[in-house]
Amino acid sequence: MLSGGLDSATCLYWAKKNYSDVSTITFNYYDRLENEKKATSEIAKRANVSSFLSIDIPFIKESSDFYSNKPNILASDGRWRGYVPARNLIFYSIAAHYSEFLQIKWIIAGHNSHDGAFFKDATKDYIHKVNSLFQQQCLLCNDTAYIIVLPLGDMDRVSIINLAFELEVPLELTWSCHDKGTRHCGRCYSCLQRIEAFSSLGIRDPVFSSDP
């Protein structure tokens, strides 16, 4: 499940190391950033994946779009801007749909130890429950249903960056920013997380390497 960001790109390269046949799936929800779409496509191409599924779901909106006329709702925490009710349940269900037809056994997702503190559908307990549902619904799986795997589930951002360098992930291609500009804004929640993690390692984030 590839979004174009640092976490999912690292998961893709982790999957390439651990599995012989890897495909990607990405979801084009309402007003998805073009830079994010471009990053997803370029990362998948660089990784030479077996197939690239791009699914359009225009009815899915982030809070920043749904509540565009109510800015106070979004002001308390930057993460609210990217919140989507039932997002992961929807995404995993679509991924499961294709997994069953294509006989895919592992659905690799990029949730980390930071995500579950705010996004309740990114916790390990939630994923365990979804996997349990998969076991009950899969009729074409010969009693072995597809399973969501979280390679980064216990890792913080610093550990993920170290793993990304170890796996030679093309971090310069990733896109994490919530802004629609031509480069990372350096101010939104996702940008600040990246800057803090790279700074703690004493490494300059390659997505900011062209900045003045």
C-alpha atoms as a PDB file:
ATOM      1  CA  MET A   1       0.000   0.000   0.000  1.00  0.00           C
ATOM      2  CA  LEU A   2       2.014   2.918  -1.370  1.00  0.00           C
ATOM      3  CA  SER A   3       1.212   6.562  -0.599  1.00  0.00           C
ATOM      4  CA  GLY A   4       4.436   8.167  -1.817  1.00  0.00           C
ATOM      5  CA  GLY A   5       5.655   9.069   1.662  1.00  0.00           C
ATOM      6  CA  LEU A   6       8.723   7.994   3.599  1.00  0.00           C
ATOM      7  CA  ASP A   7       7.026   5.186   5.532  1.00  0.00           C
ATOM      8  CA  SER A   8       5.296   3.435   2.658  1.00  0.00           C
ATOM      9  CA  ALA A   9       8.374   3.779   0.434  1.00  0.00           C
ATOM     10  CA  THR A  10      10.452   2.109   3.128  1.00  0.00           C
ATOM     11  CA  CYS A  11       7.859  -0.659   3.382  1.00  0.00           C
ATOM     12  CA  LEU A  12       8.025  -1.179  -0.380  1.00  0.00           C
ATOM     13  CA  TYR A  13      11.776  -1.684  -0.287  1.00  0.00           C
ATOM     14  CA  TRP A  14      11.423  -3.914   2.787  1.00  0.00           C
ATOM     15  CA  ALA A  15       8.944  -6.013   0.797  1.00  0.00           C
ATOM     16  CA  LYS A  16      11.311  -6.137  -2.182  1.00  0.00           C
ATOM     17  CA  LYS A  17      13.970  -7.555   0.141  1.00  0.00           C
ATOM     18  CA  ASN A  18      11.677 -10.155   1.706  1.00  0.00           C
ATOM     19  CA  TYR A  19       9.381 -11.254  -1.139  1.00  0.00           C
ATOM     20  CA  SER A  20      10.087 -12.302  -4.706  1.00  0.00           C
ATOM     21  CA  ASP A  21       6.982 -10.756  -6.281  1.00  0.00           C
ATOM     22  CA  VAL A  22       5.773  -7.322  -5.139  1.00  0.00           C
ATOM     23  CA  SER A  23       2.944  -5.171  -6.490  1.00  0.00           C
ATOM     24  CA  THR A  24       1.738  -1.777  -5.271  1.00  0.00           C
ATOM     25  CA  ILE A  25      -1.690  -0.279  -4.745  1.00  0.00           C
ATOM     26  CA  THR A  26      -2.423   3.405  -4.209  1.00  0.00           C
ATOM     27  CA  PHE A  27      -5.664   5.324  -3.650  1.00  0.00           C
ATOM     28  CA  ASN A  28      -6.621   8.560  -5.377  1.00  0.00           C
ATOM     29  CA  TYR A  29      -9.082  10.152  -2.972  1.00  0.00           C
ATOM     30  CA  TYR A  30     -10.690  13.597  -3.365  1.00  0.00           C
ATOM     31  CA  ASP A  31      -8.207  16.321  -4.378  1.00  0.00           C
ATOM     32  CA  ARG A  32      -5.180  14.133  -3.665  1.00  0.00           C
ATOM     33  CA  LEU A  33      -1.961  16.097  -4.097  1.00  0.00           C
ATOM     34  CA  GLU A  34      -0.436  15.762  -7.561  1.00  0.00           C
ATOM     35  CA  ASN A  35       3.031  15.697  -6.001  1.00  0.00           C
ATOM     36  CA  GLU A  36       1.986  12.698  -3.921  1.00  0.00           C
ATOM     37  CA  LYS A  37       0.666  10.879  -6.996  1.00  0.00           C
ATOM     38  CA  LYS A  38       3.890  11.650  -8.846  1.00  0.00           C
ATOM     39  CA  ALA A  39       6.011  10.398  -5.941  1.00  0.00           C
ATOM     40  CA  THR A  40       4.018   7.164  -5.754  1.00  0.00           C
ATOM     41  CA  SER A  41       4.439   6.491  -9.447  1.00  0.00           C
ATOM     42  CA  GLU A  42       8.167   7.302  -9.492  1.00  0.00           C
ATOM     43  CA  ILE A  43       8.933   5.210  -6.402  1.00  0.00           C
ATOM     44  CA  ALA A  44       7.047   2.208  -7.802  1.00  0.00           C
ATOM     45  CA  LYS A  45       8.859   2.584 -11.118  1.00  0.00           C
ATOM     46  CA  ARG A  46      12.258   2.835  -9.409  1.00  0.00           C
ATOM     47  CA  ALA A  47      11.472  -0.302  -7.366  1.00  0.00           C
ATOM     48  CA  ASN A  48      10.497  -2.147 -10.556  1.00  0.00           C
ATOM     49  CA  VAL A  49       7.304  -3.572  -9.052  1.00  0.00           C
ATOM     50  CA  SER A  50       5.372  -6.340 -10.789  1.00  0.00           C
ATOM     51  CA  SER A  51       2.224  -4.236 -11.133  1.00  0.00           C
ATOM     52  CA  PHE A  52       0.919  -0.828 -10.110  1.00  0.00           C
ATOM     53  CA  LEU A  53      -2.747  -0.506  -9.129  1.00  0.00           C
ATOM     54  CA  SER A  54      -4.099   3.060  -8.936  1.00  0.00           C
ATOM     55  CA  ILE A  55      -7.625   3.170  -7.508  1.00  0.00           C
ATOM     56  CA  ASP A  56      -9.852   6.238  -7.816  1.00  0.00           C
ATOM     57  CA  ILE A  57     -12.123   6.862  -4.803  1.00  0.00           C
ATOM     58  CA  PRO A  58     -13.148  10.513  -5.261  1.00  0.00           C
ATOM     59  CA  PHE A  59     -15.844  10.400  -2.566  1.00  0.00           C
ATOM     60  CA  ILE A  60     -13.209  10.009   0.198  1.00  0.00           C
ATOM     61  CA  LYS A  61     -12.256  13.395   1.702  1.00  0.00           C
ATOM     62  CA  GLU A  62      -9.720  14.497   4.290  1.00  0.00           C
ATOM     63  CA  SER A  63     -11.013  16.676   7.125  1.00  0.00           C
ATOM     64  CA  SER A  64      -9.330  19.732   5.613  1.00  0.00           C
ATOM     65  CA  ASP A  65     -11.600  19.344   2.551  1.00  0.00           C
ATOM     66  CA  PHE A  66     -14.781  18.277   4.328  1.00  0.00           C
ATOM     67  CA  TYR A  67     -14.525  21.074   6.911  1.00  0.00           C
ATOM     68  CA  SER A  68     -13.057  23.702   4.584  1.00  0.00           C
ATOM     69  CA  ASN A  69     -15.551  26.288   5.863  1.00  0.00           C
ATOM     70  CA  LYS A  70     -14.928  25.447   9.542  1.00  0.00           C
ATOM     71  CA  PRO A  71     -11.205  26.097  10.124  1.00  0.00           C
ATOM     72  CA  ASN A  72     -11.524  26.035  13.935  1.00  0.00           C
ATOM     73  CA  ILE A  73     -12.140  22.301  13.884  1.00  0.00           C
ATOM     74  CA  LEU A  74      -8.722  21.789  12.331  1.00  0.00           C
ATOM     75  CA  ALA A  75      -6.733  24.245  14.435  1.00  0.00           C
ATOM     76  CA  SER A  76      -6.109  22.191  17.581  1.00  0.00           C
ATOM     77  CA  ASP A  77      -3.724  19.659  16.015  1.00  0.00           C
ATOM     78  CA  GLY A  78      -2.133  19.588  12.563  1.00  0.00           C
ATOM     79  CA  ARG A  79      -2.966  15.911  12.195  1.00  0.00           C
ATOM     80  CA  TRP A  80      -6.690  16.695  11.989  1.00  0.00           C
ATOM     81  CA  ARG A  81      -6.178  18.105   8.498  1.00  0.00           C
ATOM     82  CA  GLY A  82      -5.330  14.665   7.126  1.00  0.00           C
ATOM     83  CA  TYR A  83      -7.873  12.695   9.143  1.00  0.00           C
ATOM     84  CA  VAL A  84     -10.364  10.581   7.169  1.00  0.00           C
ATOM     85  CA  PRO A  85     -13.104   8.679   9.041  1.00  0.00           C
ATOM     86  CA  ALA A  86     -12.757   4.904   8.403  1.00  0.00           C
ATOM     87  CA  ARG A  87      -9.890   5.564   5.971  1.00  0.00           C
ATOM     88  CA  ASN A  88      -7.898   2.443   6.748  1.00  0.00           C
ATOM     89  CA  LEU A  89     -10.941   0.195   6.892  1.00  0.00           C
ATOM     90  CA  ILE A  90     -11.846   1.402   3.388  1.00  0.00           C
ATOM     91  CA  PHE A  91      -8.298   1.115   2.063  1.00  0.00           C
ATOM     92  CA  TYR A  92      -7.747  -2.353   3.543  1.00  0.00           C
ATOM     93  CA  SER A  93     -11.074  -3.565   2.206  1.00  0.00           C
ATOM     94  CA  ILE A  94     -10.175  -2.466  -1.315  1.00  0.00           C
ATOM     95  CA  ALA A  95      -6.719  -4.020  -0.968  1.00  0.00           C
ATOM     96  CA  ALA A  96      -8.337  -7.245   0.258  1.00  0.00           C
ATOM     97  CA  HIS A  97     -10.682  -7.254  -2.733  1.00  0.00           C
ATOM     98  CA  TYR A  98      -7.767  -7.228  -5.163  1.00  0.00           C
ATOM     99  CA  SER A  99      -5.665  -9.550  -3.004  1.00  0.00           C
ATOM    100  CA  GLU A 100      -8.257 -12.303  -3.158  1.00  0.00           C
ATOM    101  CA  PHE A 101      -8.659 -12.166  -6.932  1.00  0.00           C
ATOM    102  CA  LEU A 102      -4.900 -11.834  -7.549  1.00  0.00           C
ATOM    103  CA  GLN A 103      -3.964 -14.437  -4.903  1.00  0.00           C
ATOM    104  CA  ILE A 104      -1.853 -11.966  -2.944  1.00  0.00           C
ATOM    105  CA  LYS A 105      -1.064 -13.190   0.569  1.00  0.00           C
ATOM    106  CA  TRP A 106       0.522 -10.190   2.288  1.00  0.00           C
ATOM    107  CA  ILE A 107      -0.755  -6.619   2.436  1.00  0.00           C
ATOM    108  CA  ILE A 108       2.145  -4.427   3.549  1.00  0.00           C
ATOM    109  CA  ALA A 109       1.221  -1.187   5.332  1.00  0.00           C
ATOM    110  CA  GLY A 110       3.420   1.631   6.630  1.00  0.00           C
ATOM    111  CA  HIS A 111       1.950   2.431  10.055  1.00  0.00           C
ATOM    112  CA  ASN A 112       4.545   3.188  12.737  1.00  0.00           C
ATOM    113  CA  SER A 113       4.616   3.717  16.498  1.00  0.00           C
ATOM    114  CA  HIS A 114       3.669   7.416  16.098  1.00  0.00           C
ATOM    115  CA  ASP A 115       0.542   6.829  14.029  1.00  0.00           C
ATOM    116  CA  GLY A 116      -1.522   4.892  16.557  1.00  0.00           C
ATOM    117  CA  ALA A 117      -1.228   7.636  19.180  1.00  0.00           C
ATOM    118  CA  PHE A 118      -3.639   9.750  17.147  1.00  0.00           C
ATOM    119  CA  PHE A 119      -5.102   7.630  14.345  1.00  0.00           C
ATOM    120  CA  LYS A 120      -6.934   4.815  16.115  1.00  0.00           C
ATOM    121  CA  ASP A 121      -7.297   2.798  12.920  1.00  0.00           C
ATOM    122  CA  ALA A 122      -3.502   2.578  12.676  1.00  0.00           C
ATOM    123  CA  THR A 123      -2.929   0.678  15.942  1.00  0.00           C
ATOM    124  CA  LYS A 124      -1.684  -2.905  16.022  1.00  0.00           C
ATOM    125  CA  ASP A 125      -4.844  -3.941  17.870  1.00  0.00           C
ATOM    126  CA  TYR A 126      -7.037  -2.495  15.125  1.00  0.00           C
ATOM    127  CA  ILE A 127      -5.021  -4.256  12.427  1.00  0.00           C
ATOM    128  CA  HIS A 128      -5.285  -7.531  14.349  1.00  0.00           C
ATOM    129  CA  LYS A 129      -9.081  -7.189  14.324  1.00  0.00           C
ATOM    130  CA  VAL A 130      -9.137  -6.460  10.600  1.00  0.00           C
ATOM    131  CA  ASN A 131      -6.984  -9.526   9.953  1.00  0.00           C
ATOM    132  CA  SER A 132      -9.462 -11.576  11.969  1.00  0.00           C
ATOM    133  CA  LEU A 133     -12.272 -10.346   9.725  1.00  0.00           C
ATOM    134  CA  PHE A 134     -10.252 -11.277   6.648  1.00  0.00           C
ATOM    135  CA  GLN A 135     -10.010 -14.835   7.949  1.00  0.00           C
ATOM    136  CA  GLN A 136     -13.810 -15.025   8.069  1.00  0.00           C
ATOM    137  CA  GLN A 137     -14.560 -13.562   4.640  1.00  0.00           C
ATOM    138  CA  CYS A 138     -12.015 -15.014   2.220  1.00  0.00           C
ATOM    139  CA  LEU A 139     -13.656 -17.756   0.103  1.00  0.00           C
ATOM    140  CA  LEU A 140     -10.910 -18.084  -2.533  1.00  0.00           C
ATOM    141  CA  CYS A 141      -7.977 -18.366  -0.118  1.00  0.00           C
ATOM    142  CA  ASN A 142      -7.890 -22.117   0.570  1.00  0.00           C
ATOM    143  CA  ASP A 143      -8.273 -21.453   4.310  1.00  0.00           C
ATOM    144  CA  THR A 144      -5.264 -19.088   4.342  1.00  0.00           C
ATOM    145  CA  ALA A 145      -6.444 -15.502   4.044  1.00  0.00           C
ATOM    146  CA  TYR A 146      -4.367 -12.471   3.096  1.00  0.00           C
ATOM    147  CA  ILE A 147      -2.785 -10.753   6.100  1.00  0.00           C
ATOM    148  CA  ILE A 148      -1.863  -7.126   6.789  1.00  0.00           C
ATOM    149  CA  VAL A 149       1.799  -6.874   7.827  1.00  0.00           C
ATOM    150  CA  LEU A 150       3.295  -3.851   9.612  1.00  0.00           C
ATOM    151  CA  PRO A 151       7.101  -3.891   9.199  1.00  0.00           C
ATOM    152  CA  LEU A 152       7.371  -0.480  10.903  1.00  0.00           C
ATOM    153  CA  GLY A 153       4.730  -1.067  13.571  1.00  0.00           C
ATOM    154  CA  ASP A 154       7.116  -0.785  16.527  1.00  0.00           C
ATOM    155  CA  MET A 155       9.475   1.761  14.969  1.00  0.00           C
ATOM    156  CA  ASP A 156       9.747   5.518  15.471  1.00  0.00           C
ATOM    157  CA  ARG A 157      10.604   7.959  12.692  1.00  0.00           C
ATOM    158  CA  VAL A 158      14.353   7.906  13.409  1.00  0.00           C
ATOM    159  CA  SER A 159      14.466   4.106  13.212  1.00  0.00           C
ATOM    160  CA  ILE A 160      12.494   4.193   9.965  1.00  0.00           C
ATOM    161  CA  ILE A 161      14.954   6.619   8.385  1.00  0.00           C
ATOM    162  CA  ASN A 162      17.864   4.402   9.412  1.00  0.00           C
ATOM    163  CA  LEU A 163      16.101   1.419   7.846  1.00  0.00           C
ATOM    164  CA  ALA A 164      15.387   3.434   4.704  1.00  0.00           C
ATOM    165  CA  PHE A 165      19.085   4.192   4.266  1.00  0.00           C
ATOM    166  CA  GLU A 166      19.936   0.538   4.911  1.00  0.00           C
ATOM    167  CA  LEU A 167      17.459  -0.550   2.210  1.00  0.00           C
ATOM    168  CA  GLU A 168      18.644   2.203  -0.173  1.00  0.00           C
ATOM    169  CA  VAL A 169      15.191   3.756  -0.463  1.00  0.00           C
ATOM    170  CA  PRO A 170      15.187   6.711  -2.890  1.00  0.00           C
ATOM    171  CA  LEU A 171      14.126   9.185  -0.219  1.00  0.00           C
ATOM    172  CA  GLU A 172      14.590  12.104  -2.588  1.00  0.00           C
ATOM    173  CA  LEU A 173      11.512  10.849  -4.490  1.00  0.00           C
ATOM    174  CA  THR A 174       9.199  10.695  -1.479  1.00  0.00           C
ATOM    175  CA  TRP A 175       6.531  13.285  -0.732  1.00  0.00           C
ATOM    176  CA  SER A 176       5.188  13.909   2.800  1.00  0.00           C
ATOM    177  CA  CYS A 177       4.006  17.521   2.698  1.00  0.00           C
ATOM    178  CA  HIS A 178       0.328  18.540   2.949  1.00  0.00           C
ATOM    179  CA  ASP A 179       0.948  21.724   0.967  1.00  0.00           C
ATOM    180  CA  LYS A 180       0.243  22.046  -2.763  1.00  0.00           C
ATOM    181  CA  GLY A 181       3.495  23.871  -3.505  1.00  0.00           C
ATOM    182  CA  THR A 182       6.289  22.674  -5.743  1.00  0.00           C
ATOM    183  CA  ARG A 183       8.466  21.686  -2.779  1.00  0.00           C
ATOM    184  CA  HIS A 184       7.986  20.592   0.821  1.00  0.00           C
ATOM    185  CA  CYS A 185       6.731  23.550   2.844  1.00  0.00           C
ATOM    186  CA  GLY A 186       8.744  22.736   5.985  1.00  0.00           C
ATOM    187  CA  ARG A 187       5.870  23.933   8.207  1.00  0.00           C
ATOM    188  CA  CYS A 188       3.070  21.337   8.169  1.00  0.00           C
ATOM    189  CA  TYR A 189       2.906  18.488  10.683  1.00  0.00           C
ATOM    190  CA  SER A 190       4.411  15.907   8.324  1.00  0.00           C
ATOM    191  CA  CYS A 191       7.270  18.170   7.248  1.00  0.00           C
ATOM    192  CA  LEU A 192       8.104  19.046  10.849  1.00  0.00           C
ATOM    193  CA  GLN A 193       8.204  15.352  11.773  1.00  0.00           C
ATOM    194  CA  ARG A 194      10.666  14.649   8.974  1.00  0.00           C
ATOM    195  CA  ILE A 195      12.836  17.650   9.805  1.00  0.00           C
ATOM    196  CA  GLU A 196      13.002  16.724  13.488  1.00  0.00           C
ATOM    197  CA  ALA A 197      13.913  13.088  12.780  1.00  0.00           C
ATOM    198  CA  PHE A 198      16.603  13.870  10.198  1.00  0.00           C
ATOM    199  CA  SER A 199      18.029  16.613  12.429  1.00  0.00           C
ATOM    200  CA  SER A 200      18.313  14.222  15.370  1.00  0.00           C
ATOM    201  CA  LEU A 201      20.428  11.974  13.150  1.00  0.00           C
ATOM    202  CA  GLY A 202      22.549  14.855  11.926  1.00  0.00           C
ATOM    203  CA  ILE A 203      21.480  14.144   8.349  1.00  0.00           C
ATOM    204  CA  ARG A 204      19.944  16.552   5.847  1.00  0.00           C
ATOM    205  CA  ASP A 205      16.683  15.302   4.425  1.00  0.00           C
ATOM    206  CA  PRO A 206      17.209  14.838   0.654  1.00  0.00           C
ATOM    207  CA  VAL A 207      13.782  16.329  -0.151  1.00  0.00           C
ATOM    208  CA  PHE A 208      15.112  19.637   1.218  1.00  0.00           C
ATOM    209  CA  SER A 209      18.516  19.336  -0.455  1.00  0.00           C
ATOM    210  CA  SER A 210      17.626  21.823  -3.185  1.00  0.00           C
ATOM    211  CA  ASP A 211      16.302  24.412  -0.749  1.00  0.00           C
ATOM    212  CA  PRO A 212      18.304  27.658  -0.447  1.00  0.00           C
END
